[in-house]
Amino acid sequence: MYFYNIIKSIRSYYPVSDESINQLIEHFTVHHFPAKHLIIRGGVIDRNVYFIEKGLTRSYCLVDGNEHTTWFSKEGDITFGLLCLYHNKAGFEFVETVEPTLAYSIPVSILNKLYDTNIEIANWSRVIHQECLLTLQCVRIDNLTMTAKERYNVLLKRFPDICQRVNLGYIASFLGISISTLSRIRSEK
């Protein structure tokens, strides 16, 4: 079924009707991205939101020329540049596919019109953004209060198959630890 993971995810946040889902997906543009493809580039405005049906992306920023992974988005998730979406400005983050990815994009301008005319889509968006903000806050607090091993275990609970899908260097970067520390933690299991 087309859009299975996207629809399932949308409805896990808010009970959006078939009619409203159809209003959303009629504006989708399909993308078949190969692995290691940059969907969003730091310093470039991208006025789209991407819905991932199949595949995986990672978000990262560059600090002193080094990539620092900030997020992973998988089936059913959405991804976008924060500053692009909220302020129509070029952002600092990059979004790259980790594996071949089937995604659908919708222009921010269309999404904003749907928010104005469809309360279900507006409420879904509000709820998903609230949940993402809470998750980011938890990750931030976890990074301040938990050991590396505890942070790794939390990541595995949120994303059980991440080690089979993602380069361990990306995971170490996300957790703020070295690859050798991550290897040691994994060997203790």
Protein backbone atom coordinates (compact mmCIF):
# COMPACT_ATOMS: atom_id res chain seq x y z
CA MET A 1 0.00 0.00 0.00
CA TYR A 2 1.29 3.46 -0.88
CA PHE A 3 2.06 5.76 2.04
CA TYR A 4 1.54 2.95 4.60
CA ASN A 5 4.34 4.05 6.97
CA ILE A 6 3.54 7.73 6.55
CA ILE A 7 -0.18 7.31 7.27
CA LYS A 8 0.48 4.98 10.20
CA SER A 9 2.87 7.51 11.70
CA ILE A 10 0.54 10.47 11.15
CA ARG A 11 -2.29 8.62 12.87
CA SER A 12 -0.04 7.59 15.75
CA TYR A 13 0.14 11.29 16.65
CA TYR A 14 -3.40 12.40 15.80
CA PRO A 15 -6.57 10.74 14.40
CA VAL A 16 -6.46 12.29 10.91
CA SER A 17 -9.31 11.21 8.62
CA ASP A 18 -8.88 9.63 5.19
CA GLU A 19 -10.20 12.84 3.62
CA SER A 20 -7.57 14.95 5.35
CA ILE A 21 -4.81 12.45 4.56
CA ASN A 22 -5.84 12.64 0.89
CA GLN A 23 -5.69 16.45 0.99
CA LEU A 24 -2.12 16.14 2.24
CA ILE A 25 -0.82 13.43 -0.09
CA GLU A 26 -2.34 14.93 -3.24
CA HIS A 27 0.42 17.54 -2.96
CA PHE A 28 3.26 15.02 -2.51
CA THR A 29 6.15 14.72 -4.94
CA VAL A 30 7.88 11.34 -4.93
CA HIS A 31 11.65 11.01 -4.50
CA HIS A 32 13.82 7.90 -4.80
CA PHE A 33 17.08 8.90 -3.14
CA PRO A 34 20.16 6.66 -3.25
CA ALA A 35 22.24 6.10 -0.12
CA LYS A 36 24.60 8.96 0.82
CA HIS A 37 22.41 11.53 -0.99
CA LEU A 38 22.19 15.01 0.53
CA ILE A 39 18.51 15.94 0.67
CA ILE A 40 19.09 19.19 2.57
CA ARG A 41 22.32 21.18 2.53
CA GLY A 42 23.44 23.55 5.23
CA GLY A 43 23.54 27.13 3.99
CA VAL A 44 20.84 26.48 1.35
CA ILE A 45 17.14 27.22 1.76
CA ASP A 46 14.94 24.18 1.09
CA ARG A 47 11.24 25.01 1.41
CA ASN A 48 10.02 21.41 1.58
CA VAL A 49 9.09 18.93 4.27
CA TYR A 50 10.05 15.33 3.49
CA PHE A 51 7.95 12.36 4.62
CA ILE A 52 9.93 9.10 4.72
CA GLU A 53 8.04 6.03 3.53
CA LYS A 54 11.04 3.71 3.36
CA GLY A 55 14.64 4.28 4.31
CA LEU A 56 16.65 6.28 6.78
CA THR A 57 18.28 9.70 7.00
CA ARG A 58 20.60 11.36 9.42
CA SER A 59 20.82 15.02 10.22
CA TYR A 60 24.18 16.53 11.03
CA CYS A 61 25.97 19.83 11.35
CA LEU A 62 29.56 20.73 10.65
CA VAL A 63 31.75 21.98 13.49
CA ASP A 64 35.33 22.84 12.55
CA GLY A 65 34.90 20.69 9.43
CA ASN A 66 33.75 17.64 11.40
CA GLU A 67 30.29 16.09 11.03
CA HIS A 68 28.23 15.83 14.23
CA THR A 69 25.11 13.69 13.91
CA THR A 70 22.11 15.37 15.54
CA TRP A 71 19.18 13.13 14.56
CA PHE A 72 18.02 10.04 12.69
CA SER A 73 14.74 9.87 10.75
CA LYS A 74 13.26 6.55 9.67
CA GLU A 75 10.09 5.16 8.11
CA GLY A 76 7.09 7.32 8.97
CA ASP A 77 9.19 10.27 10.15
CA ILE A 78 9.42 13.71 8.63
CA THR A 79 12.60 15.67 8.05
CA PHE A 80 13.31 19.27 7.14
CA GLY A 81 15.66 22.15 7.80
CA LEU A 82 14.49 23.92 10.98
CA LEU A 83 15.42 27.47 9.96
CA CYS A 84 14.09 26.84 6.45
CA LEU A 85 10.73 25.68 7.77
CA TYR A 86 10.20 28.21 10.53
CA HIS A 87 12.02 31.32 9.29
CA ASN A 88 12.61 30.82 5.55
CA LYS A 89 16.36 31.11 6.16
CA ALA A 90 19.25 28.89 5.18
CA GLY A 91 19.96 26.52 8.03
CA PHE A 92 23.08 24.94 9.43
CA GLU A 93 22.03 21.31 9.22
CA PHE A 94 22.49 18.74 6.50
CA VAL A 95 20.14 15.80 5.94
CA GLU A 96 21.69 12.80 4.20
CA THR A 97 20.23 9.42 3.34
CA VAL A 98 21.93 6.53 5.12
CA GLU A 99 20.32 3.92 2.86
CA PRO A 100 18.21 4.08 -0.30
CA THR A 101 15.17 6.13 0.68
CA LEU A 102 11.67 6.56 -0.71
CA ALA A 103 10.39 9.95 0.42
CA TYR A 104 7.66 12.36 -0.50
CA SER A 105 8.04 16.11 -0.29
CA ILE A 106 5.45 18.82 0.12
CA PRO A 107 6.21 22.53 -0.21
CA VAL A 108 6.03 24.47 3.06
CA SER A 109 3.70 26.98 1.37
CA ILE A 110 1.15 24.22 0.63
CA LEU A 111 1.51 22.77 4.12
CA ASN A 112 0.85 26.21 5.63
CA LYS A 113 -2.31 26.55 3.52
CA LEU A 114 -3.46 23.14 4.76
CA TYR A 115 -2.88 24.28 8.35
CA ASP A 116 -5.15 27.26 7.67
CA THR A 117 -7.94 25.19 6.11
CA ASN A 118 -7.76 21.77 7.77
CA ILE A 119 -7.91 21.54 11.56
CA GLU A 120 -6.91 17.85 11.55
CA ILE A 121 -3.69 18.55 9.62
CA ALA A 122 -3.00 21.59 11.81
CA ASN A 123 -3.54 19.56 15.00
CA TRP A 124 -1.39 16.68 13.73
CA SER A 125 1.41 19.13 13.01
CA ARG A 126 1.08 20.76 16.42
CA VAL A 127 1.22 17.41 18.18
CA ILE A 128 4.16 16.02 16.18
CA HIS A 129 6.16 19.21 16.74
CA GLN A 130 5.38 19.08 20.47
CA GLU A 131 6.52 15.46 20.65
CA CYS A 132 9.71 16.18 18.71
CA LEU A 133 10.49 19.12 20.97
CA LEU A 134 9.96 16.94 24.04
CA THR A 135 12.17 14.20 22.58
CA LEU A 136 14.93 16.71 21.79
CA GLN A 137 14.69 18.07 25.32
CA CYS A 138 14.96 14.53 26.74
CA VAL A 139 18.01 13.82 24.56
CA ARG A 140 19.60 17.04 25.80
CA ILE A 141 18.92 16.21 29.44
CA ASP A 142 20.07 12.61 28.91
CA ASN A 143 23.36 13.93 27.50
CA LEU A 144 23.84 15.98 30.66
CA THR A 145 22.78 13.41 33.24
CA MET A 146 23.37 9.90 31.88
CA THR A 147 26.45 7.83 31.30
CA ALA A 148 27.38 6.90 27.73
CA LYS A 149 26.10 3.38 28.32
CA GLU A 150 22.75 4.67 29.59
CA ARG A 151 22.40 7.00 26.57
CA TYR A 152 23.16 4.09 24.24
CA ASN A 153 20.49 1.95 25.91
CA VAL A 154 17.92 4.75 25.59
CA LEU A 155 18.77 5.06 21.88
CA LEU A 156 18.27 1.31 21.42
CA LYS A 157 14.85 1.51 23.09
CA ARG A 158 13.79 4.33 20.76
CA PHE A 159 15.38 2.78 17.67
CA PRO A 160 16.05 -0.97 18.22
CA ASP A 161 17.56 -1.76 14.81
CA ILE A 162 19.78 1.31 14.51
CA CYS A 163 23.04 -0.65 14.82
CA GLN A 164 22.07 -2.79 11.83
CA ARG A 165 21.20 0.24 9.70
CA VAL A 166 23.64 2.99 10.66
CA ASN A 167 27.41 3.36 10.60
CA LEU A 168 28.64 3.07 14.19
CA GLY A 169 30.56 6.31 13.75
CA TYR A 170 27.25 8.14 13.25
CA ILE A 171 25.84 6.56 16.41
CA ALA A 172 28.94 7.51 18.42
CA SER A 173 28.68 11.06 17.08
CA PHE A 174 24.99 11.26 18.03
CA LEU A 175 25.76 10.01 21.54
CA GLY A 176 28.72 12.38 21.89
CA ILE A 177 31.24 9.59 22.47
CA SER A 178 34.19 8.07 20.63
CA ILE A 179 33.86 4.99 18.44
CA SER A 180 36.13 3.09 20.83
CA THR A 181 33.82 3.93 23.76
CA LEU A 182 30.82 2.78 21.73
CA SER A 183 32.62 -0.46 20.82
CA ARG A 184 33.42 -1.08 24.47
CA ILE A 185 29.79 -0.49 25.49
CA ARG A 186 28.53 -2.80 22.76
CA SER A 187 30.98 -5.56 23.74
CA GLU A 188 29.67 -5.46 27.33
CA LYS A 189 26.17 -6.49 26.19
